[in-house]
Amino acid sequence: MYQVEKAKISDVETIHALINDAAKKNQMLPRSLQSLYENIRSFFVCRDHNGKVLGCCALEIAWKDMAEVRSLAVARRMRKHGIGAMLVEACLTEAKGLGIKKVFTLTYVPGFFKKQHFRVVDKKKLPHKIWSDCIHCPHFPDCDEVALIKVL
C-alpha cells in the first residue's frame, strides 16, 4: 500500500511543500529549498501506490554516536494512517545500520514521538552541534520545541 524509500531530487519541491504547510500551522520549523537540496540524502519519503509522496522525514548525523530525526511531515489528508511511524522507523533502521546509539528529535508534537518510544530529555543534554542550527531559528534563544531521545 505505502512504500518508504530514500528521497530523490525530484521530490524536493513536494517535501518543501509538506514541511512548510506544517510550519504555517506552527507544527514544525520551515526549511528552505536550498537546505532541502543540500540535505536530500538525509531524507526518506513515503509514497502511495501511484508514486505520490505522502510524507517525509530526515535522519541527520549530529555526532559520532547520535543522530537527529527531523522534518517529519505528512500530508494533512493522510495523517493517522501510520505514515509518520513508518518514516521514523526507516530513520531508526538507518541509524542502527550506521552504528548510531541514540536518536533525538526537537518537536512541537511530543506525543507522537512518545508513542514511538522516545522519552523527553533536557535540551542541555544534546550535543552543541544542534545549537549551530538553532542560532538561525526565529525562536532562538526562546526555543519552545520539546527534546526527546531514543536509545537504540
N, C-alpha and C. Protein backbone atom coordinates (compact mmCIF):
# COMPACT_ATOMS: atom_id res chain seq x y z
N MET A 1 0.83 -1.19 0.00
CA MET A 1 0.00 0.00 0.00
C MET A 1 0.87 1.26 0.00
N TYR A 2 1.73 1.42 1.03
CA TYR A 2 2.66 2.54 1.08
C TYR A 2 4.08 2.00 1.03
N GLN A 3 4.97 2.80 0.45
CA GLN A 3 6.37 2.39 0.35
C GLN A 3 7.26 3.52 0.84
N VAL A 4 8.18 3.20 1.76
CA VAL A 4 9.14 4.18 2.24
C VAL A 4 10.46 3.92 1.55
N GLU A 5 11.07 4.99 1.03
CA GLU A 5 12.35 4.88 0.34
C GLU A 5 13.11 6.18 0.46
N LYS A 6 14.38 6.15 0.09
CA LYS A 6 15.19 7.37 0.10
C LYS A 6 14.61 8.35 -0.91
N ALA A 7 14.64 9.62 -0.54
CA ALA A 7 14.11 10.68 -1.41
C ALA A 7 15.02 10.90 -2.61
N LYS A 8 14.42 11.44 -3.65
CA LYS A 8 15.14 11.79 -4.88
C LYS A 8 15.09 13.31 -5.06
N ILE A 9 15.97 13.81 -5.87
CA ILE A 9 15.98 15.25 -6.18
C ILE A 9 14.60 15.71 -6.66
N SER A 10 13.95 14.87 -7.44
CA SER A 10 12.63 15.24 -7.97
C SER A 10 11.57 15.37 -6.87
N ASP A 11 11.86 14.92 -5.65
CA ASP A 11 10.92 15.01 -4.54
C ASP A 11 11.04 16.31 -3.74
N VAL A 12 12.09 17.08 -3.99
CA VAL A 12 12.38 18.24 -3.13
C VAL A 12 11.22 19.23 -3.07
N GLU A 13 10.62 19.56 -4.17
CA GLU A 13 9.55 20.57 -4.12
C GLU A 13 8.34 20.08 -3.34
N THR A 14 8.03 18.79 -3.43
CA THR A 14 6.93 18.22 -2.65
C THR A 14 7.30 18.20 -1.17
N ILE A 15 8.52 17.80 -0.85
CA ILE A 15 8.99 17.82 0.54
C ILE A 15 8.89 19.24 1.10
N HIS A 16 9.33 20.20 0.32
CA HIS A 16 9.28 21.61 0.72
C HIS A 16 7.84 22.02 1.03
N ALA A 17 6.91 21.64 0.17
CA ALA A 17 5.50 21.99 0.39
C ALA A 17 4.95 21.32 1.65
N LEU A 18 5.27 20.05 1.88
CA LEU A 18 4.80 19.34 3.07
C LEU A 18 5.32 20.01 4.34
N ILE A 19 6.61 20.27 4.38
CA ILE A 19 7.22 20.87 5.57
C ILE A 19 6.68 22.26 5.82
N ASN A 20 6.61 23.07 4.80
CA ASN A 20 6.20 24.45 5.00
C ASN A 20 4.70 24.59 5.24
N ASP A 21 3.91 23.61 4.78
CA ASP A 21 2.49 23.59 5.13
C ASP A 21 2.35 23.35 6.63
N ALA A 22 3.10 22.40 7.16
CA ALA A 22 3.07 22.13 8.60
C ALA A 22 3.63 23.32 9.39
N ALA A 23 4.65 23.98 8.84
CA ALA A 23 5.24 25.15 9.51
C ALA A 23 4.23 26.29 9.63
N LYS A 24 3.39 26.45 8.63
CA LYS A 24 2.36 27.51 8.69
C LYS A 24 1.38 27.27 9.83
N LYS A 25 1.25 26.03 10.23
CA LYS A 25 0.34 25.66 11.34
C LYS A 25 1.10 25.59 12.67
N ASN A 26 2.37 26.05 12.68
CA ASN A 26 3.23 26.02 13.86
C ASN A 26 3.45 24.62 14.40
N GLN A 27 3.49 23.63 13.48
CA GLN A 27 3.74 22.25 13.87
C GLN A 27 5.21 21.89 13.70
N MET A 28 5.96 22.71 12.99
CA MET A 28 7.39 22.49 12.80
C MET A 28 8.00 23.77 12.26
N LEU A 29 9.32 23.77 12.15
CA LEU A 29 10.01 24.93 11.59
C LEU A 29 10.12 24.77 10.08
N PRO A 30 10.07 25.87 9.35
CA PRO A 30 10.18 25.79 7.89
C PRO A 30 11.59 25.41 7.44
N ARG A 31 11.71 24.94 6.22
CA ARG A 31 13.01 24.65 5.60
C ARG A 31 13.02 25.31 4.23
N SER A 32 14.15 25.83 3.85
CA SER A 32 14.29 26.45 2.53
C SER A 32 14.54 25.39 1.47
N LEU A 33 14.26 25.73 0.22
CA LEU A 33 14.57 24.81 -0.88
C LEU A 33 16.06 24.51 -0.90
N GLN A 34 16.89 25.52 -0.69
CA GLN A 34 18.33 25.31 -0.70
C GLN A 34 18.74 24.28 0.35
N SER A 35 18.21 24.42 1.55
CA SER A 35 18.53 23.47 2.62
C SER A 35 18.10 22.05 2.25
N LEU A 36 16.95 21.93 1.63
CA LEU A 36 16.46 20.61 1.24
C LEU A 36 17.32 19.99 0.14
N TYR A 37 17.69 20.78 -0.85
CA TYR A 37 18.58 20.24 -1.90
C TYR A 37 19.92 19.81 -1.31
N GLU A 38 20.46 20.62 -0.39
CA GLU A 38 21.74 20.30 0.23
C GLU A 38 21.68 19.04 1.09
N ASN A 39 20.50 18.75 1.63
CA ASN A 39 20.36 17.64 2.59
C ASN A 39 19.46 16.52 2.09
N ILE A 40 19.19 16.46 0.80
CA ILE A 40 18.25 15.46 0.27
C ILE A 40 18.68 14.03 0.60
N ARG A 41 19.96 13.78 0.71
CA ARG A 41 20.43 12.43 1.03
C ARG A 41 20.00 11.98 2.42
N SER A 42 19.61 12.90 3.26
CA SER A 42 19.17 12.56 4.62
C SER A 42 17.69 12.16 4.67
N PHE A 43 16.96 12.41 3.61
CA PHE A 43 15.51 12.26 3.62
C PHE A 43 15.01 10.91 3.13
N PHE A 44 13.92 10.49 3.77
CA PHE A 44 13.10 9.38 3.32
C PHE A 44 11.75 9.97 2.91
N VAL A 45 11.08 9.33 1.98
CA VAL A 45 9.71 9.70 1.63
C VAL A 45 8.85 8.46 1.70
N CYS A 46 7.57 8.67 1.90
CA CYS A 46 6.59 7.59 1.83
C CYS A 46 5.73 7.88 0.61
N ARG A 47 5.60 6.89 -0.25
CA ARG A 47 4.82 7.03 -1.49
C ARG A 47 3.59 6.13 -1.45
N ASP A 48 2.57 6.57 -2.16
CA ASP A 48 1.41 5.70 -2.35
C ASP A 48 1.66 4.78 -3.55
N HIS A 49 0.68 3.97 -3.90
CA HIS A 49 0.85 3.01 -4.99
C HIS A 49 1.06 3.68 -6.35
N ASN A 50 0.73 4.98 -6.46
CA ASN A 50 0.95 5.73 -7.70
C ASN A 50 2.28 6.49 -7.71
N GLY A 51 3.04 6.37 -6.62
CA GLY A 51 4.33 7.05 -6.53
C GLY A 51 4.25 8.45 -5.95
N LYS A 52 3.06 8.88 -5.55
CA LYS A 52 2.90 10.23 -4.98
C LYS A 52 3.48 10.27 -3.57
N VAL A 53 4.25 11.31 -3.28
CA VAL A 53 4.84 11.49 -1.95
C VAL A 53 3.76 11.94 -0.96
N LEU A 54 3.61 11.17 0.11
CA LEU A 54 2.61 11.44 1.14
C LEU A 54 3.23 12.01 2.41
N GLY A 55 4.54 11.78 2.59
CA GLY A 55 5.21 12.25 3.79
C GLY A 55 6.71 12.18 3.63
N CYS A 56 7.42 12.83 4.56
CA CYS A 56 8.87 12.85 4.51
C CYS A 56 9.43 12.92 5.93
N CYS A 57 10.69 12.55 6.05
CA CYS A 57 11.40 12.60 7.32
C CYS A 57 12.89 12.49 7.03
N ALA A 58 13.71 13.13 7.84
CA ALA A 58 15.16 13.09 7.63
C ALA A 58 15.88 12.56 8.86
N LEU A 59 16.99 11.89 8.61
CA LEU A 59 17.92 11.48 9.66
C LEU A 59 19.22 12.21 9.39
N GLU A 60 19.62 13.06 10.33
CA GLU A 60 20.86 13.81 10.17
C GLU A 60 21.80 13.48 11.32
N ILE A 61 23.03 13.15 10.98
CA ILE A 61 24.04 12.80 11.98
C ILE A 61 24.44 14.06 12.75
N ALA A 62 24.43 13.95 14.08
CA ALA A 62 24.79 15.08 14.94
C ALA A 62 26.18 14.92 15.54
N TRP A 63 26.54 13.68 15.83
CA TRP A 63 27.82 13.40 16.48
C TRP A 63 28.14 11.95 16.25
N LYS A 64 29.27 11.46 16.76
CA LYS A 64 29.71 10.10 16.44
C LYS A 64 28.73 9.02 16.87
N ASP A 65 27.95 9.28 17.91
CA ASP A 65 27.02 8.26 18.38
C ASP A 65 25.58 8.77 18.46
N MET A 66 25.29 9.89 17.78
CA MET A 66 23.97 10.50 17.90
C MET A 66 23.51 11.08 16.58
N ALA A 67 22.22 10.90 16.29
CA ALA A 67 21.61 11.47 15.09
C ALA A 67 20.28 12.11 15.47
N GLU A 68 19.77 12.92 14.57
CA GLU A 68 18.51 13.61 14.79
C GLU A 68 17.49 13.20 13.74
N VAL A 69 16.28 12.90 14.20
CA VAL A 69 15.14 12.73 13.30
C VAL A 69 14.53 14.11 13.20
N ARG A 70 14.40 14.59 11.96
CA ARG A 70 13.87 15.95 11.78
C ARG A 70 13.01 16.05 10.53
N SER A 71 12.29 17.12 10.46
CA SER A 71 11.46 17.44 9.28
C SER A 71 10.46 16.34 8.94
N LEU A 72 9.85 15.76 9.98
CA LEU A 72 8.79 14.77 9.75
C LEU A 72 7.51 15.51 9.39
N ALA A 73 7.01 15.27 8.21
CA ALA A 73 5.78 15.92 7.75
C ALA A 73 4.98 14.92 6.92
N VAL A 74 3.68 14.89 7.17
CA VAL A 74 2.77 14.01 6.44
C VAL A 74 1.63 14.88 5.90
N ALA A 75 1.22 14.61 4.67
CA ALA A 75 0.11 15.34 4.07
C ALA A 75 -1.09 15.30 5.01
N ARG A 76 -1.76 16.42 5.18
CA ARG A 76 -2.86 16.52 6.14
C ARG A 76 -3.91 15.42 5.97
N ARG A 77 -4.27 15.15 4.75
CA ARG A 77 -5.32 14.15 4.50
C ARG A 77 -4.86 12.72 4.79
N MET A 78 -3.55 12.53 4.97
CA MET A 78 -3.00 11.18 5.18
C MET A 78 -2.53 10.95 6.62
N ARG A 79 -2.75 11.90 7.49
CA ARG A 79 -2.37 11.71 8.88
C ARG A 79 -3.25 10.65 9.52
N LYS A 80 -2.73 10.01 10.54
CA LYS A 80 -3.41 8.93 11.27
C LYS A 80 -3.52 7.64 10.44
N HIS A 81 -2.62 7.48 9.46
CA HIS A 81 -2.56 6.26 8.66
C HIS A 81 -1.27 5.47 8.89
N GLY A 82 -0.47 5.89 9.89
CA GLY A 82 0.76 5.18 10.20
C GLY A 82 1.96 5.60 9.38
N ILE A 83 1.81 6.60 8.54
CA ILE A 83 2.89 7.04 7.65
C ILE A 83 4.04 7.65 8.45
N GLY A 84 3.72 8.49 9.43
CA GLY A 84 4.76 9.09 10.26
C GLY A 84 5.58 8.03 10.99
N ALA A 85 4.90 7.03 11.53
CA ALA A 85 5.59 5.95 12.23
C ALA A 85 6.49 5.17 11.28
N MET A 86 6.02 4.93 10.06
CA MET A 86 6.84 4.23 9.06
C MET A 86 8.10 5.03 8.72
N LEU A 87 7.95 6.33 8.58
CA LEU A 87 9.10 7.18 8.25
C LEU A 87 10.11 7.23 9.39
N VAL A 88 9.63 7.36 10.62
CA VAL A 88 10.53 7.37 11.77
C VAL A 88 11.24 6.02 11.87
N GLU A 89 10.53 4.94 11.64
CA GLU A 89 11.15 3.61 11.71
C GLU A 89 12.25 3.47 10.65
N ALA A 90 12.04 4.01 9.46
CA ALA A 90 13.08 3.98 8.43
C ALA A 90 14.33 4.72 8.91
N CYS A 91 14.14 5.86 9.56
CA CYS A 91 15.27 6.62 10.10
C CYS A 91 15.98 5.83 11.19
N LEU A 92 15.23 5.19 12.07
CA LEU A 92 15.84 4.42 13.16
C LEU A 92 16.60 3.22 12.62
N THR A 93 16.07 2.58 11.59
CA THR A 93 16.76 1.44 10.97
C THR A 93 18.07 1.89 10.35
N GLU A 94 18.03 3.04 9.66
CA GLU A 94 19.27 3.56 9.07
C GLU A 94 20.27 3.91 10.16
N ALA A 95 19.80 4.52 11.24
CA ALA A 95 20.69 4.90 12.35
C ALA A 95 21.37 3.66 12.92
N LYS A 96 20.60 2.60 13.15
CA LYS A 96 21.18 1.35 13.66
C LYS A 96 22.24 0.82 12.71
N GLY A 97 21.96 0.85 11.41
CA GLY A 97 22.91 0.37 10.41
C GLY A 97 24.19 1.17 10.39
N LEU A 98 24.12 2.44 10.77
CA LEU A 98 25.30 3.30 10.82
C LEU A 98 26.06 3.18 12.15
N GLY A 99 25.50 2.42 13.09
CA GLY A 99 26.14 2.27 14.40
C GLY A 99 25.81 3.39 15.36
N ILE A 100 24.76 4.15 15.07
CA ILE A 100 24.33 5.24 15.94
C ILE A 100 23.65 4.64 17.17
N LYS A 101 23.98 5.15 18.34
CA LYS A 101 23.45 4.61 19.60
C LYS A 101 22.21 5.36 20.12
N LYS A 102 22.09 6.65 19.78
CA LYS A 102 20.98 7.47 20.27
C LYS A 102 20.44 8.33 19.14
N VAL A 103 19.13 8.48 19.14
CA VAL A 103 18.47 9.35 18.16
C VAL A 103 17.59 10.32 18.93
N PHE A 104 17.68 11.60 18.59
CA PHE A 104 16.86 12.60 19.26
C PHE A 104 16.02 13.35 18.25
N THR A 105 15.09 14.11 18.77
CA THR A 105 14.29 14.99 17.94
C THR A 105 13.92 16.22 18.76
N LEU A 106 13.68 17.30 18.08
CA LEU A 106 13.12 18.52 18.67
C LEU A 106 11.79 18.72 17.97
N THR A 107 10.71 18.82 18.74
CA THR A 107 9.39 18.80 18.11
C THR A 107 8.37 19.64 18.87
N TYR A 108 7.33 20.02 18.16
CA TYR A 108 6.16 20.64 18.76
C TYR A 108 5.06 19.60 19.00
N VAL A 109 5.33 18.36 18.61
CA VAL A 109 4.34 17.28 18.73
C VAL A 109 4.98 16.11 19.50
N PRO A 110 5.28 16.31 20.78
CA PRO A 110 5.98 15.27 21.55
C PRO A 110 5.17 13.99 21.72
N GLY A 111 3.85 14.10 21.74
CA GLY A 111 3.01 12.92 21.93
C GLY A 111 3.25 11.85 20.87
N PHE A 112 3.44 12.27 19.62
CA PHE A 112 3.70 11.32 18.54
C PHE A 112 4.99 10.55 18.82
N PHE A 113 6.04 11.27 19.20
CA PHE A 113 7.33 10.62 19.42
C PHE A 113 7.32 9.76 20.68
N LYS A 114 6.53 10.13 21.67
CA LYS A 114 6.40 9.28 22.86
C LYS A 114 5.80 7.93 22.46
N LYS A 115 4.85 7.94 21.52
CA LYS A 115 4.26 6.69 21.03
C LYS A 115 5.29 5.83 20.30
N GLN A 116 6.36 6.47 19.79
CA GLN A 116 7.43 5.75 19.10
C GLN A 116 8.56 5.39 20.08
N HIS A 117 8.27 5.51 21.37
CA HIS A 117 9.18 5.13 22.47
C HIS A 117 10.37 6.06 22.63
N PHE A 118 10.20 7.32 22.26
CA PHE A 118 11.17 8.36 22.60
C PHE A 118 10.78 8.87 23.98
N ARG A 119 11.76 9.38 24.73
CA ARG A 119 11.46 9.96 26.04
C ARG A 119 11.96 11.40 26.08
N VAL A 120 11.25 12.22 26.83
CA VAL A 120 11.60 13.63 26.96
C VAL A 120 12.95 13.75 27.65
N VAL A 121 13.78 14.67 27.16
CA VAL A 121 15.10 14.91 27.72
C VAL A 121 15.35 16.42 27.76
N ASP A 122 16.15 16.85 28.68
CA ASP A 122 16.53 18.26 28.76
C ASP A 122 17.41 18.60 27.54
N LYS A 123 17.08 19.68 26.87
CA LYS A 123 17.84 20.08 25.67
C LYS A 123 19.32 20.27 25.96
N LYS A 124 19.66 20.61 27.19
CA LYS A 124 21.06 20.82 27.55
C LYS A 124 21.88 19.53 27.44
N LYS A 125 21.20 18.38 27.40
CA LYS A 125 21.90 17.09 27.29
C LYS A 125 22.25 16.75 25.84
N LEU A 126 21.77 17.56 24.91
CA LEU A 126 22.03 17.30 23.49
C LEU A 126 23.35 17.95 23.07
N PRO A 127 23.98 17.42 22.01
CA PRO A 127 25.29 17.95 21.60
C PRO A 127 25.20 19.41 21.15
N HIS A 128 26.28 20.10 21.37
CA HIS A 128 26.34 21.52 20.99
C HIS A 128 26.14 21.75 19.51
N LYS A 129 26.38 20.73 18.70
CA LYS A 129 26.22 20.89 17.26
C LYS A 129 24.81 21.33 16.90
N ILE A 130 23.80 20.85 17.64
CA ILE A 130 22.44 21.24 17.28
C ILE A 130 22.23 22.74 17.44
N TRP A 131 22.96 23.35 18.35
CA TRP A 131 22.76 24.78 18.56
C TRP A 131 23.26 25.60 17.37
N SER A 132 24.11 25.01 16.53
CA SER A 132 24.52 25.73 15.32
C SER A 132 23.34 25.91 14.39
N ASP A 133 22.39 24.97 14.40
CA ASP A 133 21.14 25.13 13.65
C ASP A 133 20.23 26.11 14.37
N CYS A 134 20.17 25.98 15.69
CA CYS A 134 19.25 26.77 16.49
C CYS A 134 19.51 28.27 16.38
N ILE A 135 20.73 28.64 16.24
CA ILE A 135 21.06 30.07 16.21
C ILE A 135 20.42 30.79 15.02
N HIS A 136 20.05 30.03 13.98
CA HIS A 136 19.41 30.61 12.80
C HIS A 136 17.88 30.58 12.89
N CYS A 137 17.38 30.02 13.97
CA CYS A 137 15.93 29.85 14.14
C CYS A 137 15.29 31.16 14.61
N PRO A 138 14.09 31.47 14.11
CA PRO A 138 13.41 32.69 14.57
C PRO A 138 12.99 32.63 16.03
N HIS A 139 12.96 31.43 16.63
CA HIS A 139 12.58 31.28 18.03
C HIS A 139 13.78 31.31 18.98
N PHE A 140 15.00 31.40 18.45
CA PHE A 140 16.20 31.41 19.28
C PHE A 140 16.29 32.74 20.01
N PRO A 141 16.63 32.78 21.28
CA PRO A 141 17.04 31.69 22.16
C PRO A 141 15.88 31.11 22.97
N ASP A 142 14.65 31.53 22.68
CA ASP A 142 13.49 31.07 23.46
C ASP A 142 12.81 29.89 22.77
N CYS A 143 13.54 28.81 22.64
CA CYS A 143 13.05 27.61 21.96
C CYS A 143 11.88 27.00 22.72
N ASP A 144 10.81 26.73 21.99
CA ASP A 144 9.66 26.11 22.64
C ASP A 144 9.41 24.69 22.13
N GLU A 145 10.40 24.13 21.41
CA GLU A 145 10.28 22.75 20.98
C GLU A 145 10.65 21.84 22.16
N VAL A 146 10.11 20.64 22.15
CA VAL A 146 10.40 19.64 23.18
C VAL A 146 11.45 18.70 22.63
N ALA A 147 12.47 18.41 23.43
CA ALA A 147 13.52 17.47 23.04
C ALA A 147 13.16 16.08 23.54
N LEU A 148 13.29 15.10 22.66
CA LEU A 148 13.07 13.71 23.03
C LEU A 148 14.22 12.87 22.49
N ILE A 149 14.47 11.73 23.13
CA ILE A 149 15.58 10.89 22.73
C ILE A 149 15.16 9.43 22.80
N LYS A 150 15.79 8.62 21.97
CA LYS A 150 15.58 7.17 21.99
C LYS A 150 16.93 6.50 21.92
N VAL A 151 17.18 5.59 22.85
CA VAL A 151 18.42 4.81 22.84
C VAL A 151 18.15 3.56 22.02
N LEU A 152 19.02 3.31 21.05
CA LEU A 152 18.83 2.15 20.16
C LEU A 152 19.54 0.91 20.69
